[in-house]
Protein backbone atom coordinates (compact mmCIF):
# COMPACT_ATOMS: atom_id res chain seq x y z
CA MET A 1 38.88 103.15 93.99
CA LYS A 2 39.21 104.46 90.48
CA ARG A 3 40.99 107.50 91.82
CA LEU A 4 43.37 105.29 93.82
CA ASN A 5 44.14 103.27 90.71
CA THR A 6 44.84 106.49 88.78
CA ILE A 7 47.18 107.72 91.49
CA ALA A 8 48.94 104.35 91.61
CA ALA A 9 49.37 104.34 87.84
CA ALA A 10 50.76 107.88 87.87
CA ALA A 11 53.18 106.98 90.65
CA ALA A 12 54.34 103.96 88.65
CA LEU A 13 54.98 106.10 85.57
CA ILE A 14 56.99 108.58 87.64
CA ALA A 15 58.99 105.77 89.24
CA LEU A 16 59.84 103.98 85.99
CA PRO A 17 62.62 106.37 84.84
CA THR A 18 64.02 106.40 88.36
CA LEU A 19 64.06 102.61 88.51
CA GLY A 20 65.74 102.48 85.13
CA MET A 21 68.49 104.85 86.17
CA ALA A 22 69.03 102.98 89.40
CA GLN A 23 69.47 99.75 87.46
CA GLU A 24 72.08 101.34 85.19
CA ALA A 25 74.05 102.64 88.17
CA VAL A 26 74.34 99.32 90.00
CA PRO A 27 78.03 98.77 90.83
CA GLY A 28 79.58 95.87 89.00
CA THR A 29 77.31 96.07 85.97
CA ASP A 30 79.29 95.34 82.81
CA ALA A 31 79.85 98.43 80.71
CA SER A 32 79.77 98.28 76.95
CA SER A 33 83.04 98.32 75.04
CA ASP A 34 82.03 101.68 73.60
CA SER A 35 81.61 103.19 77.06
CA ILE A 36 84.91 101.78 78.30
CA PHE A 37 86.69 103.15 75.25
CA ILE A 38 85.11 106.57 75.67
CA PHE A 39 85.75 106.94 79.39
CA ASN A 40 89.30 105.56 79.25
CA SER A 41 90.14 107.96 76.44
CA LEU A 42 88.50 110.80 78.34
CA LEU A 43 90.65 110.08 81.39
CA PHE A 44 93.80 110.25 79.25
CA LEU A 45 92.72 113.53 77.68
CA VAL A 46 91.61 115.24 80.90
CA GLY A 47 94.65 113.93 82.77
CA GLY A 48 96.85 115.04 79.89
CA PHE A 49 95.72 118.63 79.83
CA LEU A 50 96.03 118.84 83.62
CA VAL A 51 99.63 117.65 83.33
CA MET A 52 100.16 120.14 80.51
CA TRP A 53 98.99 122.84 82.93
CA MET A 54 101.96 121.83 85.08
CA ALA A 55 104.20 123.35 82.41
CA ALA A 56 102.71 126.70 83.38
CA GLY A 57 103.38 125.83 87.02
CA PHE A 58 107.04 125.13 86.37
CA ALA A 59 107.37 128.34 84.36
CA MET A 60 105.80 130.46 87.11
CA LEU A 61 107.74 128.73 89.90
CA GLU A 62 111.05 129.25 88.14
CA ALA A 63 110.23 132.81 87.11
CA GLY A 64 109.51 133.61 90.74
CA LEU A 65 112.60 131.95 92.21
CA VAL A 66 115.22 133.44 89.86
CA ARG A 67 116.43 137.02 90.08
CA SER A 68 114.64 139.64 88.01
CA LYS A 69 117.45 139.84 85.46
CA ASN A 70 116.91 136.18 84.52
CA VAL A 71 113.12 135.86 84.38
CA THR A 72 112.57 136.15 80.63
CA ILE A 73 115.15 133.49 79.82
CA GLN A 74 113.42 131.04 82.18
CA LEU A 75 110.06 131.67 80.56
CA THR A 76 111.62 131.20 77.12
CA LYS A 77 113.24 127.93 78.15
CA ASN A 78 110.00 126.54 79.53
CA VAL A 79 108.00 127.31 76.40
CA ALA A 80 110.77 126.04 74.13
CA LEU A 81 111.40 122.80 76.04
CA PHE A 82 107.70 121.94 75.97
CA ALA A 83 107.58 122.44 72.20
CA ILE A 84 110.77 120.44 71.69
CA ALA A 85 109.45 117.60 73.86
CA ALA A 86 106.25 117.50 71.80
CA VAL A 87 108.15 117.11 68.54
CA MET A 88 110.86 114.72 69.76
CA TYR A 89 108.37 112.43 71.50
CA TYR A 90 106.39 112.36 68.27
CA LEU A 91 109.41 111.60 66.09
CA ILE A 92 111.28 109.12 68.27
CA GLY A 93 110.32 108.97 71.95
CA TYR A 94 106.91 107.30 71.86
CA ASN A 95 108.21 104.60 69.53
CA LEU A 96 111.15 103.83 71.80
CA MET A 97 109.02 103.83 74.93
CA TYR A 98 106.45 101.33 73.65
CA PRO A 99 108.34 99.05 71.22
CA LEU A 100 106.16 96.01 71.90
CA GLY A 101 102.72 97.53 71.57
CA ASN A 102 100.68 99.52 69.10
CA TRP A 103 103.38 102.12 68.84
CA SER A 104 102.02 103.98 65.82
CA ILE A 105 99.25 106.49 66.30
CA GLY A 106 96.72 105.90 63.59
CA THR A 107 96.49 102.90 61.29
CA ASP A 108 98.00 103.79 57.94
CA GLU A 109 101.07 101.85 56.87
CA SER A 110 103.32 104.92 56.85
CA GLY A 111 103.10 105.08 60.62
CA GLY A 112 100.09 107.26 61.15
CA TYR A 113 100.60 110.44 63.10
CA LEU A 114 104.04 109.36 64.28
CA GLY A 115 105.32 109.49 60.72
CA ALA A 116 107.41 107.20 58.57
CA PHE A 117 110.63 108.25 60.32
CA GLY A 118 109.64 106.75 63.66
CA VAL A 119 108.49 103.52 62.00
CA ALA A 120 111.71 103.25 60.03
CA VAL A 121 113.79 103.60 63.19
CA LEU A 122 112.14 100.60 64.85
CA GLU A 123 111.97 98.49 61.71
CA ALA A 124 115.71 99.07 61.28
CA VAL A 125 116.35 97.40 64.62
CA GLY A 126 113.92 94.58 63.98
CA VAL A 127 110.83 95.75 65.80
CA ALA A 128 107.65 95.35 63.74
CA ARG A 129 104.37 97.06 64.47
CA ASP A 130 101.57 94.80 65.55
CA GLY A 131 98.95 96.37 63.32
CA ALA A 132 96.57 96.89 66.24
CA ASP A 133 93.49 98.93 65.57
CA ASP A 134 93.03 102.40 67.02
CA TYR A 135 89.69 101.30 68.45
CA GLY A 136 90.32 99.09 71.44
CA TYR A 137 91.13 99.86 75.08
CA ALA A 138 91.40 103.61 74.46
CA SER A 139 92.27 105.86 71.56
CA THR A 140 95.97 105.73 70.77
CA GLY A 141 95.96 109.47 70.20
CA SER A 142 94.79 110.08 73.77
CA ASP A 143 97.48 107.75 75.12
CA PHE A 144 100.17 109.50 73.09
CA TYR A 145 99.01 112.90 74.32
CA PHE A 146 98.96 111.78 77.95
CA GLN A 147 102.39 110.13 77.82
CA LEU A 148 103.88 113.16 76.04
CA MET A 149 103.03 115.37 79.01
CA PHE A 150 105.15 113.19 81.30
CA CYS A 151 108.08 113.46 78.92
CA ALA A 152 107.82 117.26 78.91
CA THR A 153 107.65 117.32 82.72
CA THR A 154 111.04 115.61 82.92
CA ALA A 155 112.64 118.37 80.88
CA SER A 156 111.02 121.08 83.01
CA ILE A 157 112.77 119.73 86.10
CA VAL A 158 116.21 120.34 84.59
CA SER A 159 115.47 123.92 83.62
CA GLY A 160 115.19 125.34 87.13
CA THR A 161 118.32 123.76 88.56
CA LEU A 162 120.61 125.20 85.88
CA ALA A 163 119.06 128.66 85.81
CA GLU A 164 120.95 131.97 85.74
CA ARG A 165 124.19 130.72 84.13
CA ILE A 166 123.51 128.26 81.30
CA LYS A 167 123.36 129.23 77.64
CA LEU A 168 119.99 128.87 75.95
CA TRP A 169 120.89 126.79 72.90
CA PRO A 170 123.07 124.12 74.59
CA PHE A 171 120.25 123.63 77.08
CA LEU A 172 117.75 123.17 74.26
CA VAL A 173 120.05 120.69 72.50
CA PHE A 174 120.22 118.70 75.74
CA THR A 175 116.42 118.82 75.88
CA VAL A 176 116.31 117.21 72.43
CA ILE A 177 118.41 114.28 73.69
CA LEU A 178 116.58 114.00 77.01
CA THR A 179 113.06 113.92 75.53
CA GLY A 180 113.89 111.98 72.38
CA LEU A 181 116.18 109.33 73.83
CA ILE A 182 117.07 109.35 77.54
CA TYR A 183 113.59 109.56 79.03
CA PRO A 184 111.77 107.17 76.67
CA ILE A 185 114.50 104.53 76.76
CA GLN A 186 114.47 104.18 80.54
CA ALA A 187 110.67 104.58 80.68
CA SER A 188 110.35 101.60 78.33
CA TRP A 189 112.15 99.46 80.91
CA LYS A 190 109.14 99.87 83.22
CA TRP A 191 106.11 101.16 81.34
CA GLY A 192 106.97 99.62 77.97
CA GLY A 193 107.08 96.09 79.35
CA GLY A 194 110.86 96.10 79.78
CA PHE A 195 113.18 94.27 82.16
CA LEU A 196 112.62 96.43 85.23
CA ASP A 197 108.99 95.42 85.10
CA SER A 198 109.42 91.77 84.14
CA GLN A 199 112.61 90.84 86.02
CA PHE A 200 112.66 93.11 89.06
CA GLY A 201 108.93 93.57 89.65
CA PHE A 202 109.55 97.30 89.80
CA LEU A 203 106.51 99.31 90.88
CA ASP A 204 106.30 103.01 90.02
CA PHE A 205 102.65 103.95 89.52
CA ALA A 206 103.04 107.44 88.05
CA GLY A 207 106.78 108.05 87.97
CA SER A 208 108.57 109.03 91.18
CA THR A 209 111.58 107.39 89.55
CA VAL A 210 110.64 107.09 85.87
CA VAL A 211 109.80 110.80 85.58
CA HIS A 212 110.93 112.80 88.60
CA SER A 213 114.21 111.20 89.56
CA VAL A 214 115.17 111.11 85.87
CA GLY A 215 114.83 114.88 85.70
CA GLY A 216 116.72 115.12 88.98
CA TRP A 217 119.63 112.96 87.80
CA ALA A 218 119.92 114.92 84.56
CA ALA A 219 119.83 118.19 86.52
CA LEU A 220 122.47 116.94 88.98
CA ALA A 221 124.85 115.99 86.17
CA GLY A 222 124.37 119.40 84.58
CA ALA A 223 124.86 121.28 87.87
CA LEU A 224 128.13 119.48 88.60
CA ILE A 225 129.55 120.20 85.16
CA LEU A 226 128.17 123.74 84.91
CA GLY A 227 129.30 124.87 88.35
CA PRO A 228 127.63 127.30 90.79
CA ARG A 229 126.59 130.87 90.09
CA ILE A 230 129.15 133.62 90.64
CA GLY A 231 129.15 134.67 94.27
CA LYS A 232 126.95 131.85 95.52
CA TYR A 233 129.74 130.23 97.53
CA LYS A 234 132.37 132.71 98.66
CA ASP A 235 134.84 132.80 101.53
CA GLY A 236 133.49 129.54 102.91
CA ALA A 237 129.95 130.90 103.24
CA VAL A 238 126.71 130.42 101.33
CA HIS A 239 125.28 133.67 99.99
CA PRO A 240 121.53 133.40 99.34
CA MET A 241 120.29 134.79 96.02
CA LEU A 242 116.66 135.61 96.63
CA GLY A 243 113.98 135.12 94.01
CA SER A 244 112.35 138.04 92.25
CA ASN A 245 108.68 137.25 92.80
CA LEU A 246 107.44 134.99 95.59
CA PRO A 247 103.76 135.52 94.72
CA LEU A 248 104.56 134.13 91.26
CA ALA A 249 106.42 131.18 92.79
CA THR A 250 103.44 130.49 95.04
CA LEU A 251 101.07 130.61 92.07
CA GLY A 252 103.34 128.16 90.26
CA THR A 253 103.21 125.77 93.20
CA PHE A 254 99.42 125.80 93.31
CA ILE A 255 99.29 125.21 89.54
CA LEU A 256 101.59 122.23 89.94
CA TRP A 257 99.51 120.95 92.86
CA LEU A 258 96.39 121.09 90.69
CA GLY A 259 98.08 119.53 87.68
CA TRP A 260 99.29 116.62 89.81
CA PHE A 261 95.74 115.27 90.01
CA GLY A 262 96.03 114.59 86.29
CA PHE A 263 99.54 113.24 86.75
CA ASN A 264 98.59 110.65 89.36
CA GLY A 265 94.88 110.24 88.71
CA GLY A 266 95.35 109.81 84.97
CA SER A 267 97.94 107.12 85.62
CA GLN A 268 95.14 104.80 86.72
CA LEU A 269 94.81 104.46 82.91
CA ALA A 270 91.21 103.33 83.18
CA MET A 271 87.86 104.95 83.97
CA GLY A 272 85.47 102.50 82.34
CA THR A 273 84.17 100.77 85.47
CA VAL A 274 82.87 101.73 88.90
CA GLY A 275 86.03 100.29 90.48
CA ASP A 276 88.30 102.38 88.26
CA VAL A 277 86.47 105.59 89.12
CA ALA A 278 86.63 104.74 92.82
CA ASP A 279 90.39 104.20 92.48
CA VAL A 280 90.86 107.52 90.70
CA SER A 281 89.05 109.28 93.52
CA ARG A 282 91.27 107.61 96.12
CA ILE A 283 94.33 108.64 94.14
CA PHE A 284 93.11 112.24 94.10
CA ALA A 285 92.58 112.23 97.87
CA ASN A 286 95.97 110.67 98.62
CA THR A 287 97.76 113.00 96.23
CA ASN A 288 96.23 116.03 97.88
CA THR A 289 96.95 114.98 101.45
CA ALA A 290 100.56 114.05 100.62
CA ALA A 291 101.13 117.59 99.35
CA ALA A 292 99.55 118.95 102.52
CA GLY A 293 101.77 116.73 104.64
CA GLY A 294 104.89 117.92 102.84
CA ALA A 295 103.96 121.58 103.21
CA ILE A 296 103.11 121.29 106.92
CA ALA A 297 106.31 119.36 107.68
CA ALA A 298 108.44 122.03 105.97
CA LEU A 299 106.44 124.78 107.70
CA ILE A 300 107.02 123.38 111.19
CA LEU A 301 110.59 122.27 110.60
CA THR A 302 111.83 125.61 109.26
CA GLN A 303 110.25 127.37 112.26
CA LEU A 304 112.09 124.99 114.61
CA LEU A 305 115.43 125.16 112.80
CA TYR A 306 115.56 128.78 111.70
CA LYS A 307 113.11 130.40 114.15
CA LYS A 308 111.19 131.72 111.13
CA VAL A 309 109.13 130.02 108.45
CA ASP A 310 110.76 129.88 105.00
CA LEU A 311 108.11 130.20 102.27
CA THR A 312 110.30 128.69 99.56
CA MET A 313 110.84 125.62 101.75
CA VAL A 314 107.10 125.31 102.32
CA LEU A 315 106.45 125.52 98.58
CA ASN A 316 109.07 122.90 97.82
CA GLY A 317 107.81 120.82 100.75
CA ALA A 318 104.40 120.60 99.11
CA LEU A 319 106.01 119.61 95.81
CA ALA A 320 108.20 117.03 97.53
CA GLY A 321 105.09 115.54 99.11
CA LEU A 322 103.55 115.25 95.66
CA VAL A 323 106.67 113.60 94.23
CA SER A 324 106.81 111.21 97.20
CA ILE A 325 103.28 109.89 96.69
CA THR A 326 103.60 109.58 92.92
CA ALA A 327 105.16 106.10 92.98
CA GLU A 328 102.11 104.67 94.76
CA PRO A 329 99.12 106.97 95.24
CA LEU A 330 96.47 104.24 95.32
CA THR A 331 97.24 101.76 98.11
CA PRO A 332 98.05 104.05 101.10
CA THR A 333 95.40 105.19 103.53
CA LEU A 334 94.92 108.92 103.88
CA GLY A 335 97.01 108.87 107.05
CA ALA A 336 99.83 106.94 105.42
CA ALA A 337 99.78 109.22 102.38
CA THR A 338 100.05 112.25 104.66
CA LEU A 339 103.08 110.78 106.41
CA ILE A 340 104.73 109.78 103.13
CA GLY A 341 104.34 113.34 101.90
CA ALA A 342 105.56 114.74 105.23
CA VAL A 343 108.80 112.78 104.95
CA GLY A 344 109.26 114.37 101.53
CA GLY A 345 108.89 117.79 103.12
CA VAL A 346 111.50 116.92 105.74
CA ILE A 347 113.87 115.69 103.04
CA VAL A 348 113.70 119.04 101.25
CA VAL A 349 114.48 121.07 104.38
CA PHE A 350 117.65 119.06 105.04
CA ALA A 351 118.66 118.41 101.41
CA VAL A 352 118.83 122.06 100.33
CA PRO A 353 121.60 123.02 102.84
CA PHE A 354 123.27 119.65 102.21
CA LEU A 355 123.69 120.51 98.52
CA ASP A 356 125.01 123.93 99.50
CA LYS A 357 127.67 122.26 101.65
CA LEU A 358 128.72 120.30 98.59
CA LYS A 359 128.65 123.57 96.56
CA ILE A 360 126.05 122.16 94.18
CA ASP A 361 124.01 125.17 93.11
CA ASP A 362 120.37 124.26 92.50
CA VAL A 363 118.52 127.52 91.93
CA VAL A 364 114.95 126.31 92.59
CA GLY A 365 115.58 123.21 94.72
CA ALA A 366 114.60 120.76 92.00
CA ILE A 367 117.16 118.11 92.98
CA PRO A 368 115.87 117.75 96.57
CA VAL A 369 112.26 117.81 95.38
CA HIS A 370 112.43 115.55 92.35
CA LEU A 371 115.50 113.36 92.91
CA PHE A 372 115.72 112.90 96.67
CA ALA A 373 111.97 112.82 97.31
CA GLY A 374 111.55 110.71 94.17
CA ILE A 375 113.90 108.08 95.59
CA TRP A 376 112.08 108.18 98.92
CA GLY A 377 108.69 107.82 97.27
CA THR A 378 109.86 104.83 95.25
CA LEU A 379 111.16 103.09 98.37
CA ALA A 380 107.98 103.94 100.29
CA VAL A 381 105.94 101.78 97.90
CA VAL A 382 106.91 98.72 99.94
CA LEU A 383 105.18 100.22 102.99
CA THR A 384 101.70 100.01 101.50
CA ASN A 385 101.86 97.70 98.47
CA GLY A 386 102.55 94.06 99.23
CA ASP A 387 103.51 93.33 95.62
CA ALA A 388 106.63 95.53 95.88
CA THR A 389 109.98 94.24 97.09
CA LEU A 390 112.67 96.43 98.60
CA GLY A 391 115.34 94.76 96.49
CA GLY A 392 113.42 95.31 93.27
CA GLN A 393 112.78 98.94 94.10
CA ILE A 394 116.40 99.65 95.08
CA MET A 395 117.90 97.91 92.05
CA SER A 396 115.58 99.75 89.70
CA ILE A 397 116.44 103.11 91.27
CA ILE A 398 120.15 102.35 90.88
CA ILE A 399 119.86 101.16 87.28
CA VAL A 400 117.81 104.17 86.17
CA GLY A 401 120.05 106.54 88.13
CA ILE A 402 123.30 105.26 86.67
CA PHE A 403 121.94 105.27 83.12
CA VAL A 404 120.47 108.77 83.26
CA PHE A 405 123.35 110.36 85.17
CA VAL A 406 126.10 108.87 83.00
CA VAL A 407 124.41 109.56 79.67
CA SER A 408 123.44 113.07 80.76
CA ALA A 409 126.98 113.80 81.93
CA VAL A 410 128.39 112.61 78.60
CA VAL A 411 125.98 114.85 76.69
CA TRP A 412 126.80 117.84 78.91
CA PHE A 413 130.55 117.26 78.46
CA ILE A 414 130.17 117.04 74.69
CA LEU A 415 128.15 120.25 74.59
CA LYS A 416 130.72 121.94 76.82
CA ALA A 417 133.53 120.88 74.50
CA ILE A 418 131.75 121.89 71.29
CA SER A 419 130.11 125.20 72.12
CA GLY A 420 130.42 125.78 75.84
CA ILE A 421 127.41 125.62 78.11
CA ARG A 422 128.00 128.60 80.39
CA VAL A 423 127.64 132.29 79.62
CA SER A 424 130.56 134.64 80.25
CA GLU A 425 131.13 136.19 83.68
CA GLU A 426 130.05 139.60 82.40
CA GLU A 427 126.86 138.20 80.87
CA GLU A 428 126.02 136.34 84.07
CA ILE A 429 126.48 139.46 86.19
CA ASN A 430 124.38 141.59 83.84
CA GLY A 431 121.70 138.93 83.52
CA LEU A 432 120.80 136.39 80.87
CA ASP A 433 117.69 138.27 79.81
CA MET A 434 119.76 140.94 78.09
CA ALA A 435 122.73 138.73 77.22
CA GLU A 436 120.76 135.91 75.60
CA LEU A 437 117.51 137.60 74.54
CA GLY A 438 117.93 141.36 74.64
CA MET A 439 114.70 141.84 76.61
CA GLU A 440 113.76 142.03 80.27
CA ALA A 441 110.71 140.84 82.16
CA TYR A 442 110.64 143.93 84.37
CA PRO A 443 112.17 146.78 82.33
CA GLU A 444 110.75 149.44 84.67
CA PHE A 445 112.88 148.24 87.58
CA THR A 446 116.59 148.07 88.17
CA LYS A 447 118.30 144.72 87.76
CA GLY A 448 118.13 142.48 90.82
């Protein structure tokens, strides 16, 4: 009996830690404010650096899809635009995007990490900071970092469309305007508590319209004003200009696919409860299957239409699937998410030749992927989210589109009048690597 009591006591001691852990893991248990703060901030930071990794994806995708004589300039543009976005969002963009909230990072009266300049801009137009503490829902620094990555993504979209014929410095000046003013102003209309959110009930979970279509509209305005590459459309025919490195383009696509989990998953904006974590996991699953749906749709469709699979279409099909699910990655089932992504893949296959018929030269297919699929994804929200209205979604798409396209076109026209935005015919034929930078990505090989 004594031995049985000893065994029972030992078993109880072993079970105690297990019972304690089980109690802490019960779903629905209230988490402490410290834990919520920590996990929410962690989601922003992890999501943010995954979205930052997408900058590498864009750089590799573009480097692979341009000709060898224009690779270095694309890499330079992608590094430079990311740096410019970081500074402009710090100086102006974040303040404009969140004018009604705790829009200063840090708590000192000079404006914290955003600096006195950003504070002065808003105070000049009558917007006062609310004095909120940096210790609340999540760290303001983590929120700023996460939101900055979305701003930089918008600029990356424009880079690929205008490749192989645009001057470096006018493009970078446009990036200053896009990241400092255009993107944050329209983003404030939805994510900053603006009128698209309050009056139209606009739903755009992670930015099919707010991020992706904005980049697409800006790219479209630039492509129309810049014109096509020399020899692209000649004698009534379209002359393909093949990319220099398809393995690199494929690597870029996989990097973007991976980074999108931060893009959509981080946009849950909360990881402090069991429910939030479950939602993030659903978002991950839907994001992944939408990309798969887009890739498979493009794979099958190009085989049917062209009798051979087109790798570049498959790559852009996957990206279009990702853009399509970005407006609402939480509410669809896995099957619905797959179909939403598949429609995005179909859109790309038909949109690329459609743009060619209009003689709109989009080097990497960014307009079909980010603009057309972005519009589709925003409309598709009504299919799975009962809170969305078709009218609210359509009106918001139109308002954002008109604003971004018109302002972008004005900026492009001004840059064209002041300094010109296109390199000379000789420089374009020889390649922008040598003309703009004096260095080549592949000096051992002949120009492609």
